[in-house]
Amino acid sequence: MSSFIHRRGLMLVLSSPSGAGKTTLARGLLMADDDIEMSVSLTTRPPRPGEINGQDYHFVDAQAFGEMRNRGEMLEHAKVFDHYYATPRQPVEVALNAGRDVLFDIDWQGTQQLQASAAADLVKVFLLPPSAAELEKRLKTRAQDSADVVARRMSKASNEISHYPEYDYVIVNEDAEDSLAQLRAILTAERLKRDRQTGLSDFVQTLRGSL
């Protein structure tokens, strides 16, 4: 994009059933593109091994979560597997106003809330596994959850997948490298949309005036 044209940032949502590979894909996009940053969610669930507070999530207790929600400090919030998750409002608004994009790893419930409040800034991508067998294999391979939790995630996957029509784009994540290339292509195209180029009108007027 021309350095003469300013751009408002966008919110890129990546959703999928657990185990479909969205975390790997999100990390790949963040490493490949300096102009997008991860939205760090709030959660009431305990940290998993290796997770860092403030980097992977902001870990808070249920009382603090409720107080922040009541003060209107969340863009969206949802309950998933007995725990609450939310997106803090202030850092996202700062990034968008500065022309930076924000990546969201949230479920369909949170996406619906963002759609209701910030549709113009939203780009929604749903990630599907290539098969049910592969999804179960990935859940077991990552070894972060008990057998009971894996079973719960598998049983919930069908309902989560049923929401794919609510998204702008769908990627079948058979190969992580190919899926990342597709995601980057989506992001590039969305950045070039006329409505997001806030300085385009002035640029065109200047260009026409010099012809």
N, C-alpha and C. Protein backbone atom coordinates (compact mmCIF):
# COMPACT_ATOMS: atom_id res chain seq x y z
N MET A 1 0.84 -1.20 0.00
CA MET A 1 0.00 0.00 0.00
C MET A 1 0.88 1.25 0.00
N SER A 2 0.45 2.26 -0.72
CA SER A 2 1.20 3.50 -0.80
C SER A 2 1.37 4.12 0.57
N SER A 3 2.53 4.70 0.82
CA SER A 3 2.79 5.37 2.10
C SER A 3 1.96 6.64 2.25
N PHE A 4 1.33 7.09 1.16
CA PHE A 4 0.50 8.29 1.21
C PHE A 4 -0.93 7.98 1.68
N ILE A 5 -1.28 6.71 1.73
CA ILE A 5 -2.64 6.32 2.08
C ILE A 5 -2.66 5.71 3.48
N HIS A 6 -3.48 6.27 4.33
CA HIS A 6 -3.63 5.72 5.68
C HIS A 6 -4.68 4.62 5.66
N ARG A 7 -4.60 3.74 6.63
CA ARG A 7 -5.53 2.62 6.69
C ARG A 7 -5.97 2.37 8.13
N ARG A 8 -7.26 2.13 8.31
CA ARG A 8 -7.74 1.69 9.61
C ARG A 8 -7.47 0.20 9.73
N GLY A 9 -7.05 -0.23 10.91
CA GLY A 9 -6.80 -1.65 11.12
C GLY A 9 -8.07 -2.46 11.05
N LEU A 10 -7.92 -3.77 10.96
CA LEU A 10 -9.06 -4.67 10.93
C LEU A 10 -8.92 -5.73 12.03
N MET A 11 -10.04 -6.35 12.35
CA MET A 11 -10.06 -7.44 13.32
C MET A 11 -10.22 -8.74 12.56
N LEU A 12 -9.20 -9.58 12.58
CA LEU A 12 -9.22 -10.86 11.88
C LEU A 12 -9.54 -11.96 12.88
N VAL A 13 -10.72 -12.55 12.75
CA VAL A 13 -11.16 -13.61 13.65
C VAL A 13 -10.84 -14.97 13.04
N LEU A 14 -10.23 -15.83 13.83
CA LEU A 14 -9.95 -17.20 13.42
C LEU A 14 -10.64 -18.13 14.41
N SER A 15 -11.63 -18.88 13.93
CA SER A 15 -12.38 -19.79 14.79
C SER A 15 -12.31 -21.20 14.24
N SER A 16 -12.49 -22.17 15.13
CA SER A 16 -12.50 -23.58 14.71
C SER A 16 -12.89 -24.43 15.91
N PRO A 17 -13.25 -25.69 15.68
CA PRO A 17 -13.36 -26.60 16.82
C PRO A 17 -11.99 -26.84 17.42
N SER A 18 -11.94 -27.16 18.69
CA SER A 18 -10.66 -27.42 19.36
C SER A 18 -9.91 -28.54 18.63
N GLY A 19 -8.63 -28.29 18.37
CA GLY A 19 -7.79 -29.29 17.73
C GLY A 19 -7.66 -29.15 16.23
N ALA A 20 -8.35 -28.19 15.63
CA ALA A 20 -8.30 -28.04 14.18
C ALA A 20 -7.03 -27.33 13.71
N GLY A 21 -6.27 -26.75 14.64
CA GLY A 21 -4.99 -26.16 14.28
C GLY A 21 -4.94 -24.66 14.24
N LYS A 22 -5.93 -23.99 14.84
CA LYS A 22 -5.95 -22.53 14.72
C LYS A 22 -4.82 -21.86 15.49
N THR A 23 -4.39 -22.46 16.61
CA THR A 23 -3.29 -21.86 17.37
C THR A 23 -1.99 -21.88 16.57
N THR A 24 -1.71 -23.01 15.92
CA THR A 24 -0.52 -23.11 15.07
C THR A 24 -0.59 -22.12 13.91
N LEU A 25 -1.76 -22.00 13.31
CA LEU A 25 -1.93 -21.08 12.19
C LEU A 25 -1.80 -19.63 12.64
N ALA A 26 -2.35 -19.31 13.79
CA ALA A 26 -2.24 -17.95 14.31
C ALA A 26 -0.78 -17.59 14.58
N ARG A 27 -0.05 -18.49 15.17
CA ARG A 27 1.37 -18.23 15.45
C ARG A 27 2.16 -18.03 14.16
N GLY A 28 1.84 -18.83 13.15
CA GLY A 28 2.52 -18.68 11.87
C GLY A 28 2.25 -17.33 11.23
N LEU A 29 1.02 -16.87 11.32
CA LEU A 29 0.68 -15.56 10.75
C LEU A 29 1.40 -14.44 11.49
N LEU A 30 1.44 -14.51 12.80
CA LEU A 30 2.11 -13.47 13.59
C LEU A 30 3.60 -13.41 13.28
N MET A 31 4.22 -14.56 13.04
CA MET A 31 5.64 -14.60 12.70
C MET A 31 5.90 -14.07 11.30
N ALA A 32 4.93 -14.24 10.40
CA ALA A 32 5.13 -13.87 9.00
C ALA A 32 4.76 -12.42 8.70
N ASP A 33 4.02 -11.78 9.58
CA ASP A 33 3.48 -10.45 9.28
C ASP A 33 3.65 -9.54 10.49
N ASP A 34 4.42 -8.47 10.30
CA ASP A 34 4.71 -7.54 11.40
C ASP A 34 3.59 -6.56 11.68
N ASP A 35 2.60 -6.49 10.80
CA ASP A 35 1.55 -5.49 10.94
C ASP A 35 0.29 -6.01 11.62
N ILE A 36 0.37 -7.20 12.19
CA ILE A 36 -0.77 -7.75 12.91
C ILE A 36 -0.30 -8.23 14.28
N GLU A 37 -1.14 -8.03 15.26
CA GLU A 37 -0.81 -8.44 16.63
C GLU A 37 -1.94 -9.28 17.20
N MET A 38 -1.62 -10.09 18.19
CA MET A 38 -2.60 -10.98 18.78
C MET A 38 -3.39 -10.27 19.86
N SER A 39 -4.69 -10.44 19.83
CA SER A 39 -5.52 -9.99 20.94
C SER A 39 -5.34 -10.98 22.09
N VAL A 40 -4.92 -10.48 23.23
CA VAL A 40 -4.71 -11.34 24.39
C VAL A 40 -5.99 -11.37 25.21
N SER A 41 -6.62 -12.53 25.26
CA SER A 41 -7.92 -12.66 25.91
C SER A 41 -7.78 -12.78 27.42
N LEU A 42 -8.86 -12.42 28.08
CA LEU A 42 -9.02 -12.71 29.50
C LEU A 42 -9.63 -14.10 29.65
N THR A 43 -9.27 -14.81 30.69
CA THR A 43 -9.92 -16.09 30.96
C THR A 43 -9.90 -16.40 32.45
N THR A 44 -10.93 -17.14 32.87
CA THR A 44 -10.98 -17.58 34.26
C THR A 44 -10.43 -18.99 34.42
N ARG A 45 -10.01 -19.63 33.35
CA ARG A 45 -9.45 -20.98 33.49
C ARG A 45 -8.01 -20.90 33.97
N PRO A 46 -7.52 -21.95 34.62
CA PRO A 46 -6.12 -21.94 35.08
C PRO A 46 -5.15 -22.07 33.91
N PRO A 47 -3.94 -21.58 34.06
CA PRO A 47 -2.95 -21.69 32.97
C PRO A 47 -2.59 -23.14 32.69
N ARG A 48 -2.37 -23.44 31.41
CA ARG A 48 -1.83 -24.74 31.02
C ARG A 48 -0.31 -24.69 31.13
N PRO A 49 0.35 -25.84 31.14
CA PRO A 49 1.82 -25.85 31.23
C PRO A 49 2.46 -25.00 30.14
N GLY A 50 3.34 -24.09 30.54
CA GLY A 50 4.06 -23.25 29.59
C GLY A 50 3.38 -21.94 29.25
N GLU A 51 2.12 -21.76 29.62
CA GLU A 51 1.43 -20.51 29.32
C GLU A 51 1.89 -19.40 30.26
N ILE A 52 1.99 -18.19 29.71
CA ILE A 52 2.50 -17.04 30.46
C ILE A 52 1.39 -16.01 30.60
N ASN A 53 1.16 -15.56 31.83
CA ASN A 53 0.13 -14.54 32.08
C ASN A 53 0.50 -13.24 31.37
N GLY A 54 -0.46 -12.68 30.64
CA GLY A 54 -0.23 -11.45 29.91
C GLY A 54 0.29 -11.66 28.51
N GLN A 55 0.73 -12.86 28.21
CA GLN A 55 1.23 -13.17 26.87
C GLN A 55 0.28 -14.14 26.16
N ASP A 56 -0.03 -15.25 26.80
CA ASP A 56 -0.98 -16.20 26.22
C ASP A 56 -2.41 -15.79 26.56
N TYR A 57 -2.64 -15.46 27.81
CA TYR A 57 -3.93 -14.97 28.30
C TYR A 57 -3.66 -14.04 29.47
N HIS A 58 -4.68 -13.24 29.80
CA HIS A 58 -4.72 -12.57 31.09
C HIS A 58 -5.57 -13.45 32.00
N PHE A 59 -4.94 -14.09 32.96
CA PHE A 59 -5.66 -15.01 33.83
C PHE A 59 -6.22 -14.24 35.03
N VAL A 60 -7.55 -14.30 35.17
CA VAL A 60 -8.22 -13.57 36.25
C VAL A 60 -9.22 -14.52 36.93
N ASP A 61 -9.63 -14.15 38.15
CA ASP A 61 -10.64 -14.97 38.81
C ASP A 61 -12.04 -14.51 38.37
N ALA A 62 -13.03 -15.28 38.76
CA ALA A 62 -14.40 -15.02 38.30
C ALA A 62 -14.91 -13.66 38.77
N GLN A 63 -14.53 -13.25 39.96
CA GLN A 63 -15.00 -11.97 40.48
C GLN A 63 -14.45 -10.80 39.66
N ALA A 64 -13.15 -10.82 39.40
CA ALA A 64 -12.53 -9.76 38.60
C ALA A 64 -13.12 -9.73 37.19
N PHE A 65 -13.37 -10.90 36.64
CA PHE A 65 -13.96 -10.99 35.31
C PHE A 65 -15.33 -10.33 35.28
N GLY A 66 -16.14 -10.64 36.27
CA GLY A 66 -17.49 -10.07 36.34
C GLY A 66 -17.47 -8.57 36.50
N GLU A 67 -16.54 -8.04 37.28
CA GLU A 67 -16.45 -6.60 37.49
C GLU A 67 -16.06 -5.88 36.19
N MET A 68 -15.11 -6.46 35.45
CA MET A 68 -14.71 -5.85 34.18
C MET A 68 -15.85 -5.88 33.16
N ARG A 69 -16.57 -6.98 33.13
CA ARG A 69 -17.72 -7.09 32.23
C ARG A 69 -18.78 -6.04 32.56
N ASN A 70 -19.04 -5.85 33.84
CA ASN A 70 -20.06 -4.89 34.25
C ASN A 70 -19.65 -3.45 33.95
N ARG A 71 -18.35 -3.18 33.89
CA ARG A 71 -17.87 -1.84 33.56
C ARG A 71 -17.82 -1.60 32.05
N GLY A 72 -18.18 -2.58 31.25
CA GLY A 72 -18.17 -2.43 29.80
C GLY A 72 -16.79 -2.46 29.19
N GLU A 73 -15.85 -3.15 29.83
CA GLU A 73 -14.46 -3.16 29.37
C GLU A 73 -14.16 -4.31 28.42
N MET A 74 -15.20 -5.02 27.94
CA MET A 74 -15.00 -6.18 27.08
C MET A 74 -15.71 -5.97 25.75
N LEU A 75 -15.05 -6.35 24.65
CA LEU A 75 -15.68 -6.33 23.34
C LEU A 75 -16.61 -7.51 23.17
N GLU A 76 -16.25 -8.63 23.76
CA GLU A 76 -17.07 -9.83 23.70
C GLU A 76 -16.68 -10.72 24.87
N HIS A 77 -17.59 -11.61 25.24
CA HIS A 77 -17.28 -12.58 26.29
C HIS A 77 -18.13 -13.81 26.08
N ALA A 78 -17.64 -14.95 26.54
CA ALA A 78 -18.35 -16.22 26.36
C ALA A 78 -17.91 -17.21 27.41
N LYS A 79 -18.77 -18.18 27.65
CA LYS A 79 -18.44 -19.29 28.53
C LYS A 79 -18.17 -20.51 27.68
N VAL A 80 -16.98 -21.12 27.86
CA VAL A 80 -16.57 -22.28 27.08
C VAL A 80 -15.99 -23.32 28.03
N PHE A 81 -16.59 -24.51 28.05
CA PHE A 81 -16.09 -25.59 28.90
C PHE A 81 -15.90 -25.14 30.35
N ASP A 82 -16.94 -24.54 30.91
CA ASP A 82 -17.00 -24.17 32.33
C ASP A 82 -16.12 -22.99 32.71
N HIS A 83 -15.51 -22.34 31.74
CA HIS A 83 -14.68 -21.17 32.03
C HIS A 83 -15.10 -20.00 31.14
N TYR A 84 -14.81 -18.78 31.62
CA TYR A 84 -15.18 -17.58 30.87
C TYR A 84 -13.97 -17.03 30.11
N TYR A 85 -14.26 -16.48 28.94
CA TYR A 85 -13.24 -15.86 28.09
C TYR A 85 -13.78 -14.51 27.63
N ALA A 86 -12.88 -13.55 27.38
CA ALA A 86 -13.32 -12.24 26.92
C ALA A 86 -12.18 -11.52 26.21
N THR A 87 -12.56 -10.53 25.39
CA THR A 87 -11.60 -9.66 24.72
C THR A 87 -11.64 -8.28 25.36
N PRO A 88 -10.53 -7.82 25.95
CA PRO A 88 -10.52 -6.46 26.50
C PRO A 88 -10.62 -5.42 25.39
N ARG A 89 -11.43 -4.39 25.61
CA ARG A 89 -11.76 -3.41 24.57
C ARG A 89 -10.61 -2.45 24.24
N GLN A 90 -9.99 -1.87 25.26
CA GLN A 90 -9.09 -0.73 25.06
C GLN A 90 -7.89 -1.02 24.15
N PRO A 91 -7.14 -2.11 24.34
CA PRO A 91 -5.98 -2.33 23.45
C PRO A 91 -6.36 -2.57 22.00
N VAL A 92 -7.52 -3.15 21.76
CA VAL A 92 -7.96 -3.37 20.38
C VAL A 92 -8.27 -2.04 19.69
N GLU A 93 -8.98 -1.17 20.37
CA GLU A 93 -9.32 0.12 19.77
C GLU A 93 -8.08 0.95 19.49
N VAL A 94 -7.10 0.90 20.37
CA VAL A 94 -5.84 1.63 20.15
C VAL A 94 -5.14 1.13 18.89
N ALA A 95 -5.08 -0.19 18.73
CA ALA A 95 -4.41 -0.78 17.57
C ALA A 95 -5.11 -0.42 16.27
N LEU A 96 -6.43 -0.54 16.23
CA LEU A 96 -7.17 -0.24 15.01
C LEU A 96 -7.00 1.21 14.58
N ASN A 97 -7.06 2.12 15.55
CA ASN A 97 -6.90 3.53 15.24
C ASN A 97 -5.51 3.87 14.74
N ALA A 98 -4.52 3.04 15.12
CA ALA A 98 -3.14 3.25 14.67
C ALA A 98 -2.86 2.55 13.34
N GLY A 99 -3.88 1.90 12.75
CA GLY A 99 -3.69 1.22 11.47
C GLY A 99 -3.10 -0.16 11.59
N ARG A 100 -3.15 -0.73 12.78
CA ARG A 100 -2.64 -2.08 12.98
C ARG A 100 -3.80 -3.06 13.05
N ASP A 101 -3.55 -4.29 12.58
CA ASP A 101 -4.58 -5.32 12.60
C ASP A 101 -4.45 -6.15 13.87
N VAL A 102 -5.57 -6.73 14.28
CA VAL A 102 -5.62 -7.52 15.51
C VAL A 102 -6.20 -8.89 15.18
N LEU A 103 -5.50 -9.93 15.60
CA LEU A 103 -5.92 -11.30 15.36
C LEU A 103 -6.63 -11.86 16.59
N PHE A 104 -7.79 -12.48 16.36
CA PHE A 104 -8.60 -13.04 17.44
C PHE A 104 -8.70 -14.55 17.30
N ASP A 105 -8.41 -15.26 18.37
CA ASP A 105 -8.63 -16.70 18.45
C ASP A 105 -9.83 -16.91 19.37
N ILE A 106 -11.04 -16.80 18.82
CA ILE A 106 -12.25 -16.88 19.63
C ILE A 106 -13.26 -17.81 18.96
N ASP A 107 -14.28 -18.21 19.71
CA ASP A 107 -15.28 -19.13 19.17
C ASP A 107 -16.43 -18.37 18.51
N TRP A 108 -17.42 -19.12 18.05
CA TRP A 108 -18.54 -18.51 17.31
C TRP A 108 -19.37 -17.59 18.18
N GLN A 109 -19.44 -17.86 19.48
CA GLN A 109 -20.22 -16.98 20.35
C GLN A 109 -19.60 -15.59 20.41
N GLY A 110 -18.28 -15.54 20.62
CA GLY A 110 -17.60 -14.26 20.64
C GLY A 110 -17.65 -13.55 19.31
N THR A 111 -17.56 -14.33 18.22
CA THR A 111 -17.62 -13.75 16.89
C THR A 111 -18.97 -13.09 16.63
N GLN A 112 -20.04 -13.71 17.09
CA GLN A 112 -21.36 -13.12 16.93
C GLN A 112 -21.46 -11.78 17.66
N GLN A 113 -20.85 -11.69 18.83
CA GLN A 113 -20.87 -10.43 19.58
C GLN A 113 -20.08 -9.35 18.87
N LEU A 114 -18.92 -9.71 18.31
CA LEU A 114 -18.14 -8.74 17.55
C LEU A 114 -18.89 -8.30 16.30
N GLN A 115 -19.58 -9.23 15.67
CA GLN A 115 -20.37 -8.90 14.48
C GLN A 115 -21.45 -7.88 14.82
N ALA A 116 -22.04 -8.00 15.99
CA ALA A 116 -23.11 -7.08 16.39
C ALA A 116 -22.58 -5.69 16.71
N SER A 117 -21.33 -5.60 17.19
CA SER A 117 -20.82 -4.31 17.67
C SER A 117 -19.78 -3.66 16.76
N ALA A 118 -19.13 -4.45 15.89
CA ALA A 118 -18.03 -3.89 15.09
C ALA A 118 -17.93 -4.56 13.73
N ALA A 119 -19.05 -4.72 13.05
CA ALA A 119 -19.07 -5.47 11.79
C ALA A 119 -18.15 -4.88 10.73
N ALA A 120 -18.04 -3.56 10.68
CA ALA A 120 -17.24 -2.92 9.62
C ALA A 120 -15.76 -3.25 9.73
N ASP A 121 -15.30 -3.53 10.94
CA ASP A 121 -13.88 -3.82 11.16
C ASP A 121 -13.56 -5.31 11.13
N LEU A 122 -14.56 -6.15 10.94
CA LEU A 122 -14.42 -7.57 11.18
C LEU A 122 -14.21 -8.38 9.89
N VAL A 123 -13.25 -9.32 9.95
CA VAL A 123 -13.04 -10.31 8.90
C VAL A 123 -13.03 -11.68 9.60
N LYS A 124 -13.95 -12.57 9.17
CA LYS A 124 -14.16 -13.81 9.91
C LYS A 124 -13.72 -15.02 9.08
N VAL A 125 -12.83 -15.82 9.67
CA VAL A 125 -12.31 -17.02 9.00
C VAL A 125 -12.58 -18.23 9.89
N PHE A 126 -13.18 -19.27 9.29
CA PHE A 126 -13.42 -20.51 10.03
C PHE A 126 -12.50 -21.60 9.51
N LEU A 127 -11.90 -22.32 10.44
CA LEU A 127 -10.93 -23.37 10.13
C LEU A 127 -11.57 -24.73 10.39
N LEU A 128 -11.56 -25.59 9.37
CA LEU A 128 -12.11 -26.94 9.49
C LEU A 128 -10.99 -27.98 9.47
N PRO A 129 -11.14 -29.07 10.21
CA PRO A 129 -10.21 -30.18 10.08
C PRO A 129 -10.52 -30.97 8.82
N PRO A 130 -9.56 -31.72 8.26
CA PRO A 130 -9.85 -32.50 7.05
C PRO A 130 -10.78 -33.68 7.29
N SER A 131 -10.87 -34.16 8.55
CA SER A 131 -11.76 -35.27 8.87
C SER A 131 -11.94 -35.33 10.38
N ALA A 132 -12.97 -36.06 10.81
CA ALA A 132 -13.21 -36.25 12.25
C ALA A 132 -12.08 -37.07 12.87
N ALA A 133 -11.59 -38.05 12.13
CA ALA A 133 -10.50 -38.89 12.66
C ALA A 133 -9.24 -38.07 12.88
N GLU A 134 -8.95 -37.16 11.96
CA GLU A 134 -7.77 -36.31 12.11
C GLU A 134 -7.93 -35.34 13.27
N LEU A 135 -9.13 -34.85 13.47
CA LEU A 135 -9.38 -33.95 14.59
C LEU A 135 -9.12 -34.67 15.91
N GLU A 136 -9.63 -35.87 16.05
CA GLU A 136 -9.41 -36.63 17.29
C GLU A 136 -7.93 -36.95 17.49
N LYS A 137 -7.25 -37.27 16.41
CA LYS A 137 -5.81 -37.55 16.48
C LYS A 137 -5.04 -36.34 16.97
N ARG A 138 -5.38 -35.15 16.46
CA ARG A 138 -4.66 -33.93 16.87
C ARG A 138 -4.93 -33.61 18.34
N LEU A 139 -6.16 -33.82 18.78
CA LEU A 139 -6.48 -33.57 20.19
C LEU A 139 -5.70 -34.50 21.11
N LYS A 140 -5.56 -35.75 20.73
CA LYS A 140 -4.82 -36.71 21.55
C LYS A 140 -3.32 -36.46 21.49
N THR A 141 -2.82 -36.05 20.32
CA THR A 141 -1.38 -35.86 20.13
C THR A 141 -0.84 -34.71 20.95
N ARG A 142 -1.64 -33.65 21.10
CA ARG A 142 -1.12 -32.49 21.83
C ARG A 142 -1.02 -32.74 23.32
N ALA A 143 -1.70 -33.78 23.82
CA ALA A 143 -1.52 -34.27 25.19
C ALA A 143 -1.68 -33.19 26.26
N GLN A 144 -2.58 -32.25 26.03
CA GLN A 144 -2.83 -31.20 27.03
C GLN A 144 -4.06 -31.51 27.86
N ASP A 145 -4.91 -32.41 27.40
CA ASP A 145 -6.19 -32.67 28.05
C ASP A 145 -6.35 -34.15 28.37
N SER A 146 -7.18 -34.41 29.36
CA SER A 146 -7.49 -35.78 29.72
C SER A 146 -8.37 -36.44 28.67
N ALA A 147 -8.52 -37.75 28.75
CA ALA A 147 -9.36 -38.47 27.80
C ALA A 147 -10.81 -37.98 27.87
N ASP A 148 -11.28 -37.65 29.08
CA ASP A 148 -12.64 -37.14 29.22
C ASP A 148 -12.81 -35.80 28.52
N VAL A 149 -11.82 -34.93 28.66
CA VAL A 149 -11.90 -33.61 28.02
C VAL A 149 -11.84 -33.76 26.50
N VAL A 150 -10.99 -34.66 26.00
CA VAL A 150 -10.93 -34.91 24.56
C VAL A 150 -12.29 -35.36 24.04
N ALA A 151 -12.93 -36.25 24.79
CA ALA A 151 -14.25 -36.73 24.39
C ALA A 151 -15.27 -35.60 24.36
N ARG A 152 -15.20 -34.70 25.34
CA ARG A 152 -16.11 -33.56 25.38
C ARG A 152 -15.88 -32.64 24.20
N ARG A 153 -14.62 -32.42 23.87
CA ARG A 153 -14.31 -31.53 22.75
C ARG A 153 -14.80 -32.14 21.43
N MET A 154 -14.65 -33.43 21.29
CA MET A 154 -15.13 -34.10 20.07
C MET A 154 -16.65 -34.01 19.97
N SER A 155 -17.34 -34.20 21.08
CA SER A 155 -18.80 -34.16 21.05
C SER A 155 -19.33 -32.76 20.75
N LYS A 156 -18.54 -31.74 21.15
CA LYS A 156 -18.96 -30.36 20.91
C LYS A 156 -18.59 -29.87 19.51
N ALA A 157 -17.68 -30.57 18.84
CA ALA A 157 -17.16 -30.10 17.56
C ALA A 157 -18.25 -29.97 16.51
N SER A 158 -19.21 -30.90 16.50
CA SER A 158 -20.26 -30.85 15.49
C SER A 158 -21.06 -29.56 15.58
N ASN A 159 -21.41 -29.15 16.79
CA ASN A 159 -22.15 -27.90 16.97
C ASN A 159 -21.32 -26.69 16.55
N GLU A 160 -20.03 -26.71 16.92
CA GLU A 160 -19.16 -25.60 16.55
C GLU A 160 -19.05 -25.48 15.02
N ILE A 161 -18.88 -26.61 14.36
CA ILE A 161 -18.73 -26.62 12.90
C ILE A 161 -20.00 -26.13 12.22
N SER A 162 -21.15 -26.34 12.84
CA SER A 162 -22.41 -25.94 12.22
C SER A 162 -22.51 -24.43 12.02
N HIS A 163 -21.65 -23.66 12.67
CA HIS A 163 -21.68 -22.20 12.56
C HIS A 163 -20.81 -21.67 11.43
N TYR A 164 -20.23 -22.54 10.62
CA TYR A 164 -19.34 -22.07 9.56
C TYR A 164 -20.00 -21.09 8.59
N PRO A 165 -21.34 -21.20 8.31
CA PRO A 165 -21.92 -20.23 7.36
C PRO A 165 -21.91 -18.78 7.85
N GLU A 166 -21.63 -18.57 9.13
CA GLU A 166 -21.60 -17.22 9.68
C GLU A 166 -20.29 -16.50 9.38
N TYR A 167 -19.35 -17.21 8.75
CA TYR A 167 -18.01 -16.67 8.51
C TYR A 167 -17.83 -16.26 7.05
N ASP A 168 -16.91 -15.33 6.82
CA ASP A 168 -16.65 -14.83 5.48
C ASP A 168 -15.84 -15.82 4.64
N TYR A 169 -14.92 -16.53 5.28
CA TYR A 169 -14.01 -17.44 4.60
C TYR A 169 -13.93 -18.75 5.38
N VAL A 170 -13.68 -19.85 4.66
CA VAL A 170 -13.49 -21.15 5.29
C VAL A 170 -12.22 -21.78 4.71
N ILE A 171 -11.36 -22.26 5.61
CA ILE A 171 -10.13 -22.95 5.22
C ILE A 171 -10.16 -24.37 5.80
N VAL A 172 -9.95 -25.37 4.95
CA VAL A 172 -9.81 -26.75 5.43
C VAL A 172 -8.34 -26.98 5.71
N ASN A 173 -8.02 -27.15 6.97
CA ASN A 173 -6.62 -27.18 7.40
C ASN A 173 -6.03 -28.59 7.30
N GLU A 174 -5.74 -28.97 6.06
CA GLU A 174 -5.10 -30.27 5.84
C GLU A 174 -3.59 -30.15 5.96
N ASP A 175 -3.05 -29.06 5.45
CA ASP A 175 -1.62 -28.80 5.51
C ASP A 175 -1.41 -27.40 6.07
N ALA A 176 -0.65 -27.28 7.14
CA ALA A 176 -0.50 -26.01 7.84
C ALA A 176 0.12 -24.94 6.96
N GLU A 177 1.10 -25.30 6.14
CA GLU A 177 1.77 -24.32 5.29
C GLU A 177 0.81 -23.77 4.23
N ASP A 178 0.04 -24.66 3.62
CA ASP A 178 -0.94 -24.21 2.63
C ASP A 178 -2.02 -23.34 3.27
N SER A 179 -2.46 -23.74 4.46
CA SER A 179 -3.51 -22.97 5.15
C SER A 179 -3.00 -21.58 5.51
N LEU A 180 -1.75 -21.48 5.92
CA LEU A 180 -1.18 -20.18 6.25
C LEU A 180 -1.12 -19.29 5.01
N ALA A 181 -0.74 -19.85 3.88
CA ALA A 181 -0.71 -19.07 2.64
C ALA A 181 -2.10 -18.55 2.29
N GLN A 182 -3.12 -19.38 2.49
CA GLN A 182 -4.49 -18.94 2.22
C GLN A 182 -4.90 -17.82 3.18
N LEU A 183 -4.55 -17.96 4.44
CA LEU A 183 -4.91 -16.94 5.43
C LEU A 183 -4.22 -15.62 5.12
N ARG A 184 -2.96 -15.66 4.70
CA ARG A 184 -2.24 -14.44 4.36
C ARG A 184 -2.86 -13.77 3.12
N ALA A 185 -3.33 -14.58 2.18
CA ALA A 185 -3.99 -14.02 1.00
C ALA A 185 -5.28 -13.30 1.38
N ILE A 186 -6.03 -13.89 2.30
CA ILE A 186 -7.25 -13.25 2.78
C ILE A 186 -6.93 -11.90 3.43
N LEU A 187 -5.92 -11.89 4.28
CA LEU A 187 -5.55 -10.66 4.98
C LEU A 187 -5.10 -9.57 4.01
N THR A 188 -4.31 -9.94 3.02
CA THR A 188 -3.85 -8.96 2.03
C THR A 188 -5.03 -8.35 1.28
N ALA A 189 -5.97 -9.19 0.85
CA ALA A 189 -7.13 -8.69 0.11
C ALA A 189 -7.99 -7.77 0.97
N GLU A 190 -8.20 -8.15 2.22
CA GLU A 190 -9.05 -7.34 3.09
C GLU A 190 -8.40 -5.99 3.41
N ARG A 191 -7.10 -5.96 3.50
CA ARG A 191 -6.41 -4.68 3.74
C ARG A 191 -6.58 -3.71 2.59
N LEU A 192 -6.77 -4.23 1.39
CA LEU A 192 -6.88 -3.39 0.21
C LEU A 192 -8.31 -2.93 -0.07
N LYS A 193 -9.26 -3.35 0.72
CA LYS A 193 -10.64 -2.90 0.50
C LYS A 193 -10.72 -1.37 0.59
N ARG A 194 -11.47 -0.81 -0.32
CA ARG A 194 -11.54 0.66 -0.43
C ARG A 194 -11.96 1.32 0.89
N ASP A 195 -12.96 0.75 1.55
CA ASP A 195 -13.49 1.38 2.75
C ASP A 195 -12.48 1.43 3.89
N ARG A 196 -11.49 0.55 3.87
CA ARG A 196 -10.49 0.54 4.95
C ARG A 196 -9.35 1.52 4.71
N GLN A 197 -9.23 2.01 3.48
CA GLN A 197 -8.15 2.94 3.15
C GLN A 197 -8.65 4.37 3.41
N THR A 198 -8.51 4.79 4.66
CA THR A 198 -9.12 6.04 5.10
C THR A 198 -8.52 7.27 4.43
N GLY A 199 -7.31 7.18 3.91
CA GLY A 199 -6.70 8.32 3.24
C GLY A 199 -6.83 8.27 1.74
N LEU A 200 -7.61 7.33 1.22
CA LEU A 200 -7.66 7.13 -0.23
C LEU A 200 -8.28 8.31 -0.97
N SER A 201 -9.35 8.87 -0.44
CA SER A 201 -10.03 9.97 -1.12
C SER A 201 -9.09 11.17 -1.30
N ASP A 202 -8.39 11.54 -0.23
CA ASP A 202 -7.46 12.67 -0.33
C ASP A 202 -6.34 12.38 -1.32
N PHE A 203 -5.85 11.14 -1.29
CA PHE A 203 -4.77 10.75 -2.21
C PHE A 203 -5.23 10.86 -3.66
N VAL A 204 -6.43 10.39 -3.95
CA VAL A 204 -6.95 10.43 -5.32
C VAL A 204 -7.17 11.87 -5.77
N GLN A 205 -7.67 12.73 -4.87
CA GLN A 205 -7.88 14.13 -5.23
C GLN A 205 -6.54 14.78 -5.58
N THR A 206 -5.52 14.52 -4.76
CA THR A 206 -4.20 15.06 -5.04
C THR A 206 -3.64 14.54 -6.35
N LEU A 207 -3.84 13.26 -6.58
CA LEU A 207 -3.35 12.63 -7.82
C LEU A 207 -4.04 13.23 -9.03
N ARG A 208 -5.33 13.40 -8.98
CA ARG A 208 -6.07 13.97 -10.11
C ARG A 208 -5.69 15.43 -10.35
N GLY A 209 -5.43 16.13 -9.23
CA GLY A 209 -5.07 17.54 -9.38
C GLY A 209 -3.72 17.76 -10.03
N SER A 210 -2.87 16.74 -9.98
CA SER A 210 -1.54 16.89 -10.56
C SER A 210 -1.47 16.37 -11.97
N LEU A 211 -2.59 15.83 -12.50
CA LEU A 211 -2.57 15.31 -13.87
C LEU A 211 -2.89 16.39 -14.90
